Amino acid sequence: MQLLLKLFLTFLKIGAFSFGGGYAMLPLIERELVTNNQWLNYKEFIDIIGISQMTPGPIAINSATFVGYKIAGVPGSISATLGVIIFSFILVSIASHYILKFKDSLILKSAFLGMRPALIGLIICAFISLAKQSYLDIKSIIIGAIITVLLFTNKVHPILIIVISGVLGIIFYSY
């Protein structure tokens, strides 16, 4: 029971203090799961990010469900998932009323404009952290470069990017 509470509270913290979507949440998720609680190692963390991208739903919810299940089975999965969504659910329920009421407020608009650069900083931090663990050799750098070119030049759909990456991984690492 104590482990379920710890899972709930850890993911409640992630849900409560992570703004800007999944990529902006990655530094906090990494710190809580890999560093503070040591529920995952870096390889498992990166695998969760990959799995979360291939499955429907937000990264935070997918990672909460996966980690909860890994740590404490189905009850852990439920506890972690509830923890990560409950704060957002309550906040959005309350905030939506006031955001609509004050949508023309200069203070609200200014606050949102001020948050944008911070969110980009969080995403860049997550990128650098993941890159350090993912670009391990020249093959992974080549795959990353090919995918970057495809994304910036052809606007390839993310599902196709995942498939292409898998095929490149098979080609580069199977032989």
N, C-alpha and C. Protein backbone atom coordinates (compact mmCIF):
# COMPACT_ATOMS: atom_id res chain seq x y z
N MET A 1 0.83 -1.21 0.00
CA MET A 1 0.00 0.00 0.00
C MET A 1 0.87 1.27 0.00
N GLN A 2 1.99 1.22 0.75
CA GLN A 2 2.88 2.36 0.81
C GLN A 2 3.51 2.63 -0.55
N LEU A 3 3.84 1.58 -1.30
CA LEU A 3 4.40 1.74 -2.64
C LEU A 3 3.38 2.38 -3.58
N LEU A 4 2.13 1.98 -3.48
CA LEU A 4 1.09 2.56 -4.32
C LEU A 4 0.93 4.05 -4.02
N LEU A 5 1.01 4.41 -2.75
CA LEU A 5 0.92 5.82 -2.37
C LEU A 5 2.12 6.59 -2.91
N LYS A 6 3.30 6.00 -2.83
CA LYS A 6 4.50 6.66 -3.35
C LYS A 6 4.40 6.86 -4.87
N LEU A 7 3.92 5.84 -5.58
CA LEU A 7 3.70 5.98 -7.02
C LEU A 7 2.71 7.11 -7.30
N PHE A 8 1.61 7.11 -6.57
CA PHE A 8 0.59 8.14 -6.75
C PHE A 8 1.18 9.53 -6.52
N LEU A 9 1.87 9.72 -5.41
CA LEU A 9 2.42 11.03 -5.06
C LEU A 9 3.52 11.47 -6.03
N THR A 10 4.34 10.55 -6.47
CA THR A 10 5.38 10.89 -7.44
C THR A 10 4.77 11.36 -8.74
N PHE A 11 3.79 10.65 -9.23
CA PHE A 11 3.16 11.06 -10.49
C PHE A 11 2.23 12.24 -10.31
N LEU A 12 1.71 12.44 -9.11
CA LEU A 12 0.95 13.66 -8.81
C LEU A 12 1.88 14.87 -8.94
N LYS A 13 3.09 14.75 -8.42
CA LYS A 13 4.08 15.83 -8.53
C LYS A 13 4.40 16.08 -10.01
N ILE A 14 4.60 15.02 -10.76
CA ILE A 14 4.89 15.19 -12.19
C ILE A 14 3.73 15.90 -12.88
N GLY A 15 2.51 15.46 -12.59
CA GLY A 15 1.35 16.08 -13.21
C GLY A 15 1.11 17.51 -12.76
N ALA A 16 1.44 17.80 -11.50
CA ALA A 16 1.17 19.13 -10.95
C ALA A 16 2.21 20.17 -11.36
N PHE A 17 3.46 19.75 -11.54
CA PHE A 17 4.51 20.71 -11.78
C PHE A 17 5.10 20.65 -13.17
N SER A 18 4.46 19.96 -14.08
CA SER A 18 4.94 19.88 -15.45
C SER A 18 3.94 20.59 -16.35
N PHE A 19 4.39 21.65 -16.95
CA PHE A 19 3.54 22.40 -17.86
C PHE A 19 4.13 22.36 -19.25
N GLY A 20 3.27 22.44 -20.25
CA GLY A 20 3.74 22.53 -21.61
C GLY A 20 3.71 21.24 -22.40
N GLY A 21 3.11 20.21 -21.86
CA GLY A 21 2.99 18.97 -22.61
C GLY A 21 4.11 18.00 -22.32
N GLY A 22 4.04 16.87 -23.02
CA GLY A 22 4.91 15.74 -22.75
C GLY A 22 6.39 16.02 -22.81
N TYR A 23 6.85 16.69 -23.86
CA TYR A 23 8.29 16.92 -23.99
C TYR A 23 8.81 17.85 -22.91
N ALA A 24 8.01 18.84 -22.52
CA ALA A 24 8.42 19.73 -21.44
C ALA A 24 8.44 19.00 -20.10
N MET A 25 7.68 17.91 -19.98
CA MET A 25 7.65 17.14 -18.74
C MET A 25 8.84 16.20 -18.60
N LEU A 26 9.52 15.91 -19.68
CA LEU A 26 10.56 14.89 -19.66
C LEU A 26 11.65 15.11 -18.61
N PRO A 27 12.15 16.34 -18.42
CA PRO A 27 13.19 16.49 -17.39
C PRO A 27 12.70 16.10 -15.99
N LEU A 28 11.48 16.48 -15.64
CA LEU A 28 10.95 16.12 -14.33
C LEU A 28 10.65 14.62 -14.25
N ILE A 29 10.10 14.06 -15.30
CA ILE A 29 9.83 12.62 -15.31
C ILE A 29 11.14 11.85 -15.15
N GLU A 30 12.16 12.28 -15.89
CA GLU A 30 13.47 11.62 -15.80
C GLU A 30 14.02 11.71 -14.38
N ARG A 31 13.97 12.90 -13.79
CA ARG A 31 14.52 13.08 -12.45
C ARG A 31 13.80 12.20 -11.43
N GLU A 32 12.49 12.15 -11.52
CA GLU A 32 11.71 11.38 -10.55
C GLU A 32 11.88 9.87 -10.73
N LEU A 33 11.86 9.41 -11.97
CA LEU A 33 11.86 7.97 -12.22
C LEU A 33 13.26 7.36 -12.23
N VAL A 34 14.23 8.10 -12.77
CA VAL A 34 15.58 7.55 -12.90
C VAL A 34 16.46 7.93 -11.71
N THR A 35 16.48 9.21 -11.38
CA THR A 35 17.41 9.70 -10.36
C THR A 35 16.88 9.52 -8.94
N ASN A 36 15.71 10.10 -8.66
CA ASN A 36 15.20 10.11 -7.28
C ASN A 36 14.74 8.74 -6.79
N ASN A 37 13.91 8.06 -7.58
CA ASN A 37 13.33 6.80 -7.12
C ASN A 37 14.03 5.57 -7.68
N GLN A 38 14.82 5.76 -8.72
CA GLN A 38 15.56 4.67 -9.36
C GLN A 38 14.65 3.50 -9.75
N TRP A 39 13.48 3.84 -10.23
CA TRP A 39 12.56 2.83 -10.72
C TRP A 39 12.96 2.37 -12.12
N LEU A 40 13.68 3.23 -12.84
CA LEU A 40 14.13 2.92 -14.20
C LEU A 40 15.59 3.31 -14.33
N ASN A 41 16.29 2.65 -15.27
CA ASN A 41 17.60 3.15 -15.66
C ASN A 41 17.40 4.00 -16.92
N TYR A 42 18.47 4.65 -17.40
CA TYR A 42 18.33 5.55 -18.56
C TYR A 42 17.86 4.81 -19.80
N LYS A 43 18.32 3.61 -20.01
CA LYS A 43 17.90 2.85 -21.18
C LYS A 43 16.40 2.59 -21.13
N GLU A 44 15.90 2.18 -19.98
CA GLU A 44 14.46 1.94 -19.83
C GLU A 44 13.68 3.24 -20.01
N PHE A 45 14.22 4.34 -19.49
CA PHE A 45 13.55 5.63 -19.64
C PHE A 45 13.41 6.00 -21.12
N ILE A 46 14.48 5.83 -21.87
CA ILE A 46 14.44 6.14 -23.30
C ILE A 46 13.46 5.21 -24.01
N ASP A 47 13.44 3.94 -23.62
CA ASP A 47 12.50 3.00 -24.21
C ASP A 47 11.05 3.42 -23.94
N ILE A 48 10.79 3.92 -22.74
CA ILE A 48 9.44 4.38 -22.41
C ILE A 48 9.05 5.56 -23.29
N ILE A 49 9.99 6.48 -23.53
CA ILE A 49 9.70 7.61 -24.40
C ILE A 49 9.34 7.10 -25.80
N GLY A 50 10.11 6.14 -26.30
CA GLY A 50 9.82 5.57 -27.62
C GLY A 50 8.46 4.87 -27.65
N ILE A 51 8.18 4.07 -26.63
CA ILE A 51 6.89 3.38 -26.57
C ILE A 51 5.75 4.38 -26.46
N SER A 52 5.96 5.43 -25.66
CA SER A 52 4.92 6.44 -25.49
C SER A 52 4.61 7.16 -26.79
N GLN A 53 5.60 7.29 -27.66
CA GLN A 53 5.37 7.92 -28.95
C GLN A 53 4.61 7.02 -29.91
N MET A 54 4.74 5.71 -29.72
CA MET A 54 4.09 4.77 -30.63
C MET A 54 2.68 4.41 -30.19
N THR A 55 2.34 4.69 -28.93
CA THR A 55 1.02 4.34 -28.43
C THR A 55 0.18 5.59 -28.28
N PRO A 56 -1.12 5.44 -28.39
CA PRO A 56 -1.98 6.61 -28.27
C PRO A 56 -1.93 7.17 -26.85
N GLY A 57 -2.03 8.48 -26.76
CA GLY A 57 -2.07 9.12 -25.46
C GLY A 57 -0.82 9.91 -25.16
N PRO A 58 -0.91 10.77 -24.16
CA PRO A 58 0.22 11.61 -23.78
C PRO A 58 1.36 10.82 -23.16
N ILE A 59 2.57 11.35 -23.28
CA ILE A 59 3.76 10.71 -22.75
C ILE A 59 3.63 10.47 -21.25
N ALA A 60 3.16 11.47 -20.51
CA ALA A 60 3.08 11.35 -19.05
C ALA A 60 2.15 10.21 -18.63
N ILE A 61 1.02 10.10 -19.28
CA ILE A 61 0.07 9.04 -18.92
C ILE A 61 0.62 7.68 -19.31
N ASN A 62 1.18 7.59 -20.50
CA ASN A 62 1.75 6.31 -20.94
C ASN A 62 2.90 5.88 -20.03
N SER A 63 3.76 6.82 -19.67
CA SER A 63 4.88 6.45 -18.80
C SER A 63 4.40 6.11 -17.40
N ALA A 64 3.40 6.82 -16.90
CA ALA A 64 2.85 6.49 -15.58
C ALA A 64 2.26 5.09 -15.58
N THR A 65 1.52 4.77 -16.61
CA THR A 65 0.90 3.44 -16.69
C THR A 65 1.98 2.36 -16.76
N PHE A 66 2.99 2.57 -17.60
CA PHE A 66 4.05 1.58 -17.76
C PHE A 66 4.86 1.40 -16.47
N VAL A 67 5.31 2.52 -15.89
CA VAL A 67 6.13 2.44 -14.68
C VAL A 67 5.32 1.88 -13.52
N GLY A 68 4.09 2.32 -13.38
CA GLY A 68 3.24 1.79 -12.32
C GLY A 68 3.09 0.28 -12.43
N TYR A 69 2.89 -0.19 -13.65
CA TYR A 69 2.76 -1.64 -13.87
C TYR A 69 4.07 -2.36 -13.56
N LYS A 70 5.18 -1.78 -13.99
CA LYS A 70 6.49 -2.39 -13.75
C LYS A 70 6.77 -2.49 -12.25
N ILE A 71 6.40 -1.49 -11.49
CA ILE A 71 6.72 -1.43 -10.08
C ILE A 71 5.73 -2.22 -9.22
N ALA A 72 4.44 -2.15 -9.55
CA ALA A 72 3.45 -2.76 -8.66
C ALA A 72 2.26 -3.39 -9.40
N GLY A 73 2.45 -3.80 -10.64
CA GLY A 73 1.39 -4.48 -11.37
C GLY A 73 0.23 -3.56 -11.70
N VAL A 74 -0.94 -4.14 -11.89
CA VAL A 74 -2.13 -3.37 -12.27
C VAL A 74 -2.48 -2.31 -11.23
N PRO A 75 -2.46 -2.61 -9.91
CA PRO A 75 -2.74 -1.54 -8.94
C PRO A 75 -1.74 -0.38 -9.04
N GLY A 76 -0.49 -0.67 -9.30
CA GLY A 76 0.51 0.38 -9.48
C GLY A 76 0.25 1.21 -10.71
N SER A 77 -0.18 0.54 -11.77
CA SER A 77 -0.51 1.21 -13.01
C SER A 77 -1.67 2.19 -12.79
N ILE A 78 -2.68 1.74 -12.09
CA ILE A 78 -3.85 2.59 -11.80
C ILE A 78 -3.44 3.76 -10.90
N SER A 79 -2.66 3.47 -9.87
CA SER A 79 -2.24 4.50 -8.92
C SER A 79 -1.41 5.59 -9.60
N ALA A 80 -0.42 5.19 -10.38
CA ALA A 80 0.44 6.16 -11.06
C ALA A 80 -0.34 6.97 -12.10
N THR A 81 -1.21 6.31 -12.84
CA THR A 81 -1.99 7.01 -13.87
C THR A 81 -2.94 8.01 -13.24
N LEU A 82 -3.61 7.62 -12.17
CA LEU A 82 -4.49 8.58 -11.48
C LEU A 82 -3.68 9.75 -10.93
N GLY A 83 -2.51 9.46 -10.39
CA GLY A 83 -1.68 10.52 -9.86
C GLY A 83 -1.31 11.56 -10.90
N VAL A 84 -0.95 11.11 -12.09
CA VAL A 84 -0.49 12.05 -13.11
C VAL A 84 -1.65 12.85 -13.72
N ILE A 85 -2.86 12.35 -13.70
CA ILE A 85 -3.96 13.07 -14.35
C ILE A 85 -4.84 13.87 -13.40
N ILE A 86 -4.84 13.55 -12.12
CA ILE A 86 -5.82 14.16 -11.23
C ILE A 86 -5.64 15.66 -11.08
N PHE A 87 -4.40 16.12 -10.94
CA PHE A 87 -4.17 17.55 -10.79
C PHE A 87 -4.60 18.30 -12.04
N SER A 88 -4.21 17.79 -13.19
CA SER A 88 -4.58 18.44 -14.46
C SER A 88 -6.09 18.48 -14.62
N PHE A 89 -6.75 17.40 -14.27
CA PHE A 89 -8.22 17.35 -14.38
C PHE A 89 -8.85 18.44 -13.52
N ILE A 90 -8.41 18.54 -12.28
CA ILE A 90 -8.98 19.54 -11.37
C ILE A 90 -8.63 20.94 -11.86
N LEU A 91 -7.36 21.15 -12.23
CA LEU A 91 -6.91 22.47 -12.68
C LEU A 91 -7.66 22.91 -13.94
N VAL A 92 -7.78 22.03 -14.89
CA VAL A 92 -8.47 22.40 -16.14
C VAL A 92 -9.95 22.67 -15.87
N SER A 93 -10.55 21.89 -15.00
CA SER A 93 -11.96 22.12 -14.67
C SER A 93 -12.18 23.50 -14.07
N ILE A 94 -11.28 23.90 -13.19
CA ILE A 94 -11.39 25.22 -12.57
C ILE A 94 -10.94 26.32 -13.52
N ALA A 95 -9.78 26.12 -14.14
CA ALA A 95 -9.18 27.17 -14.95
C ALA A 95 -9.99 27.49 -16.20
N SER A 96 -10.62 26.51 -16.78
CA SER A 96 -11.34 26.76 -18.03
C SER A 96 -12.42 27.83 -17.83
N HIS A 97 -13.05 27.82 -16.70
CA HIS A 97 -14.07 28.83 -16.39
C HIS A 97 -13.45 30.22 -16.37
N TYR A 98 -12.32 30.36 -15.67
CA TYR A 98 -11.69 31.66 -15.53
C TYR A 98 -10.95 32.11 -16.78
N ILE A 99 -10.38 31.18 -17.51
CA ILE A 99 -9.71 31.56 -18.76
C ILE A 99 -10.71 32.11 -19.75
N LEU A 100 -11.87 31.48 -19.84
CA LEU A 100 -12.91 32.00 -20.72
C LEU A 100 -13.41 33.36 -20.24
N LYS A 101 -13.51 33.52 -18.94
CA LYS A 101 -13.99 34.77 -18.36
C LYS A 101 -13.00 35.91 -18.57
N PHE A 102 -11.70 35.59 -18.47
CA PHE A 102 -10.66 36.62 -18.57
C PHE A 102 -9.80 36.47 -19.83
N LYS A 103 -10.36 35.90 -20.89
CA LYS A 103 -9.57 35.62 -22.09
C LYS A 103 -8.97 36.87 -22.73
N ASP A 104 -9.54 38.01 -22.49
CA ASP A 104 -9.02 39.25 -23.06
C ASP A 104 -8.10 40.00 -22.09
N SER A 105 -7.80 39.42 -20.96
CA SER A 105 -6.96 40.06 -19.95
C SER A 105 -5.51 40.17 -20.42
N LEU A 106 -4.95 41.36 -20.32
CA LEU A 106 -3.56 41.57 -20.68
C LEU A 106 -2.63 40.78 -19.76
N ILE A 107 -2.97 40.66 -18.51
CA ILE A 107 -2.14 39.92 -17.56
C ILE A 107 -2.10 38.44 -17.93
N LEU A 108 -3.24 37.85 -18.25
CA LEU A 108 -3.29 36.45 -18.63
C LEU A 108 -2.52 36.21 -19.92
N LYS A 109 -2.72 37.07 -20.91
CA LYS A 109 -2.00 36.94 -22.17
C LYS A 109 -0.50 37.08 -21.95
N SER A 110 -0.10 38.01 -21.11
CA SER A 110 1.32 38.22 -20.82
C SER A 110 1.93 37.02 -20.10
N ALA A 111 1.17 36.43 -19.18
CA ALA A 111 1.67 35.25 -18.46
C ALA A 111 1.90 34.10 -19.44
N PHE A 112 0.97 33.88 -20.36
CA PHE A 112 1.12 32.81 -21.35
C PHE A 112 2.31 33.09 -22.26
N LEU A 113 2.51 34.35 -22.65
CA LEU A 113 3.66 34.69 -23.48
C LEU A 113 4.97 34.46 -22.73
N GLY A 114 4.96 34.72 -21.44
CA GLY A 114 6.15 34.49 -20.62
C GLY A 114 6.48 33.03 -20.42
N MET A 115 5.47 32.17 -20.47
CA MET A 115 5.68 30.74 -20.28
C MET A 115 6.27 30.07 -21.52
N ARG A 116 6.02 30.59 -22.68
CA ARG A 116 6.47 29.95 -23.92
C ARG A 116 7.98 29.72 -23.97
N PRO A 117 8.81 30.73 -23.69
CA PRO A 117 10.26 30.48 -23.74
C PRO A 117 10.71 29.44 -22.71
N ALA A 118 10.09 29.44 -21.54
CA ALA A 118 10.46 28.45 -20.52
C ALA A 118 10.12 27.04 -21.00
N LEU A 119 9.00 26.88 -21.66
CA LEU A 119 8.61 25.57 -22.17
C LEU A 119 9.58 25.10 -23.25
N ILE A 120 10.01 26.01 -24.10
CA ILE A 120 11.00 25.65 -25.12
C ILE A 120 12.30 25.22 -24.44
N GLY A 121 12.69 25.94 -23.39
CA GLY A 121 13.89 25.56 -22.64
C GLY A 121 13.77 24.17 -22.05
N LEU A 122 12.61 23.83 -21.51
CA LEU A 122 12.40 22.49 -20.96
C LEU A 122 12.50 21.43 -22.05
N ILE A 123 11.95 21.72 -23.22
CA ILE A 123 12.01 20.77 -24.33
C ILE A 123 13.45 20.59 -24.79
N ILE A 124 14.21 21.67 -24.87
CA ILE A 124 15.62 21.57 -25.26
C ILE A 124 16.40 20.77 -24.24
N CYS A 125 16.13 20.99 -22.96
CA CYS A 125 16.79 20.23 -21.90
C CYS A 125 16.49 18.74 -22.04
N ALA A 126 15.23 18.41 -22.31
CA ALA A 126 14.85 17.00 -22.50
C ALA A 126 15.56 16.43 -23.72
N PHE A 127 15.64 17.20 -24.80
CA PHE A 127 16.34 16.74 -26.00
C PHE A 127 17.79 16.41 -25.70
N ILE A 128 18.48 17.32 -25.02
CA ILE A 128 19.90 17.12 -24.73
C ILE A 128 20.10 15.89 -23.85
N SER A 129 19.25 15.75 -22.85
CA SER A 129 19.35 14.60 -21.95
C SER A 129 19.13 13.28 -22.70
N LEU A 130 18.11 13.25 -23.55
CA LEU A 130 17.83 12.04 -24.33
C LEU A 130 18.92 11.79 -25.38
N ALA A 131 19.43 12.86 -25.98
CA ALA A 131 20.46 12.72 -27.00
C ALA A 131 21.72 12.09 -26.42
N LYS A 132 22.08 12.49 -25.21
CA LYS A 132 23.28 11.93 -24.57
C LYS A 132 23.16 10.42 -24.41
N GLN A 133 21.95 9.93 -24.20
CA GLN A 133 21.75 8.50 -23.99
C GLN A 133 21.43 7.75 -25.28
N SER A 134 21.04 8.48 -26.33
CA SER A 134 20.59 7.82 -27.56
C SER A 134 21.63 7.78 -28.67
N TYR A 135 22.43 8.84 -28.78
CA TYR A 135 23.43 8.89 -29.83
C TYR A 135 24.72 8.27 -29.31
N LEU A 136 24.78 6.96 -29.41
CA LEU A 136 25.87 6.20 -28.80
C LEU A 136 26.99 5.88 -29.77
N ASP A 137 26.69 5.90 -31.06
CA ASP A 137 27.69 5.55 -32.06
C ASP A 137 27.35 6.26 -33.36
N ILE A 138 28.19 6.08 -34.34
CA ILE A 138 28.00 6.76 -35.63
C ILE A 138 26.70 6.32 -36.31
N LYS A 139 26.30 5.08 -36.12
CA LYS A 139 25.07 4.59 -36.74
C LYS A 139 23.86 5.34 -36.20
N SER A 140 23.80 5.55 -34.90
CA SER A 140 22.66 6.27 -34.32
C SER A 140 22.66 7.74 -34.74
N ILE A 141 23.84 8.31 -34.91
CA ILE A 141 23.93 9.69 -35.40
C ILE A 141 23.43 9.79 -36.84
N ILE A 142 23.79 8.80 -37.66
CA ILE A 142 23.32 8.79 -39.06
C ILE A 142 21.80 8.65 -39.11
N ILE A 143 21.24 7.75 -38.30
CA ILE A 143 19.78 7.59 -38.27
C ILE A 143 19.13 8.90 -37.85
N GLY A 144 19.67 9.52 -36.81
CA GLY A 144 19.13 10.81 -36.35
C GLY A 144 19.20 11.87 -37.43
N ALA A 145 20.30 11.92 -38.16
CA ALA A 145 20.46 12.91 -39.22
C ALA A 145 19.47 12.67 -40.36
N ILE A 146 19.30 11.41 -40.76
CA ILE A 146 18.34 11.07 -41.83
C ILE A 146 16.93 11.49 -41.41
N ILE A 147 16.55 11.16 -40.19
CA ILE A 147 15.21 11.48 -39.71
C ILE A 147 15.01 12.99 -39.62
N THR A 148 16.04 13.71 -39.16
CA THR A 148 15.95 15.17 -39.08
C THR A 148 15.74 15.78 -40.46
N VAL A 149 16.49 15.30 -41.43
CA VAL A 149 16.33 15.80 -42.81
C VAL A 149 14.92 15.51 -43.31
N LEU A 150 14.43 14.29 -43.09
CA LEU A 150 13.07 13.94 -43.53
C LEU A 150 12.02 14.83 -42.87
N LEU A 151 12.19 15.09 -41.61
CA LEU A 151 11.20 15.90 -40.89
C LEU A 151 11.21 17.36 -41.37
N PHE A 152 12.39 17.91 -41.59
CA PHE A 152 12.46 19.31 -41.97
C PHE A 152 12.22 19.58 -43.45
N THR A 153 12.49 18.60 -44.31
CA THR A 153 12.34 18.85 -45.74
C THR A 153 11.04 18.31 -46.33
N ASN A 154 10.55 17.21 -45.80
CA ASN A 154 9.39 16.57 -46.42
C ASN A 154 8.15 16.55 -45.55
N LYS A 155 8.25 16.99 -44.29
CA LYS A 155 7.11 16.96 -43.36
C LYS A 155 6.50 15.55 -43.31
N VAL A 156 7.34 14.55 -43.13
CA VAL A 156 6.91 13.15 -43.09
C VAL A 156 6.09 12.92 -41.81
N HIS A 157 5.05 12.15 -41.92
CA HIS A 157 4.16 11.85 -40.79
C HIS A 157 4.94 11.10 -39.70
N PRO A 158 4.67 11.42 -38.43
CA PRO A 158 5.39 10.77 -37.32
C PRO A 158 5.32 9.25 -37.32
N ILE A 159 4.21 8.68 -37.73
CA ILE A 159 4.10 7.21 -37.77
C ILE A 159 5.08 6.65 -38.79
N LEU A 160 5.17 7.31 -39.94
CA LEU A 160 6.11 6.87 -40.96
C LEU A 160 7.55 7.05 -40.48
N ILE A 161 7.81 8.10 -39.73
CA ILE A 161 9.15 8.33 -39.16
C ILE A 161 9.54 7.17 -38.24
N ILE A 162 8.61 6.72 -37.41
CA ILE A 162 8.88 5.60 -36.50
C ILE A 162 9.18 4.34 -37.31
N VAL A 163 8.41 4.09 -38.34
CA VAL A 163 8.62 2.91 -39.19
C VAL A 163 9.99 3.00 -39.88
N ILE A 164 10.28 4.16 -40.45
CA ILE A 164 11.56 4.35 -41.13
C ILE A 164 12.72 4.15 -40.15
N SER A 165 12.58 4.69 -38.94
CA SER A 165 13.62 4.54 -37.92
C SER A 165 13.83 3.07 -37.56
N GLY A 166 12.74 2.34 -37.43
CA GLY A 166 12.84 0.91 -37.14
C GLY A 166 13.54 0.16 -38.25
N VAL A 167 13.19 0.47 -39.48
CA VAL A 167 13.83 -0.19 -40.63
C VAL A 167 15.32 0.16 -40.67
N LEU A 168 15.64 1.43 -40.44
CA LEU A 168 17.05 1.82 -40.42
C LEU A 168 17.80 1.12 -39.28
N GLY A 169 17.16 0.98 -38.14
CA GLY A 169 17.77 0.25 -37.04
C GLY A 169 18.05 -1.20 -37.39
N ILE A 170 17.10 -1.83 -38.08
CA ILE A 170 17.30 -3.21 -38.52
C ILE A 170 18.46 -3.30 -39.51
N ILE A 171 18.48 -2.36 -40.45
CA ILE A 171 19.55 -2.37 -41.45
C ILE A 171 20.91 -2.13 -40.81
N PHE A 172 21.00 -1.13 -39.95
CA PHE A 172 22.30 -0.74 -39.39
C PHE A 172 22.80 -1.65 -38.28
N TYR A 173 21.88 -2.22 -37.51
CA TYR A 173 22.32 -2.96 -36.33
C TYR A 173 22.18 -4.48 -36.45
N SER A 174 21.55 -4.97 -37.50
CA SER A 174 21.39 -6.42 -37.65
C SER A 174 22.54 -7.07 -38.39
N TYR A 175 23.30 -6.28 -39.09
CA TYR A 175 24.35 -6.86 -39.93
C TYR A 175 25.72 -6.55 -39.38
